[in-house]
């Protein structure tokens, strides 16, 4: 099989891998665009957010942070805690399958919850760099286009719409269920629940930051402990 034919097959395989999640990103992107313009931003901020930030949860959070003129240090701390999970994603994401330096740079930039959820379970399969990048490009394309369309729609809707921001929570819930079905890692969701309850009790107004911080610490301790046990 010639190289162009093989690449075409890999691109088709990447589309097949990601079309379901990609379609799921469309309503989420539409919701983000509407929330953005309802928050007082112009529609053209949607593609800027989705290109410069490109992190669904942080993009939703950034709308409120920027609108409230949150201090830069607080924004940086929230960004670190919200996206720190990507450090752990990198441990099992098959980035080494991407051969070109430019492709690897994009692979790091475009490593999102959705692309990780699609690619990581297939890491033991003979994945090619073309197939992985196809997944990531398609996910970002779906997100940017749907977010821009949602922003255009939100610009003509009446003010005061509420509840659309829950779309992100719903997507994470579905991804978490799928990840649990694939790995059956019981301690992880239990730790997340305990950290969330502790944060709710000790710092209700800062529950997200405190809960995420505790969860990151717990995951790190667990990772170190499991490594020691494996080496023993």
Foldseek 3Di string as FASTA:
>chain_A
DDPVVVLVVLLVLLCVLAVVVLVLLLLLLLLLLLLLVLLPDALVVLLVCCVVVVASVLSSVVSVCVSVVPDPVVNVLLVCLVPVVVVVLVVQAPLVLADDPVLSVVLSVQDYLSLSLRRRLCSPPPRHSSSSSSNSVSNSVSNSVSNSVSNVVSNPDDHDDDDSNCSVVVVVVVSVVSVCVSPVPVVLVVLLVVLLVVLCVPPVPPSSSRSSVSSVVVVVVVVVVVVVVVVD
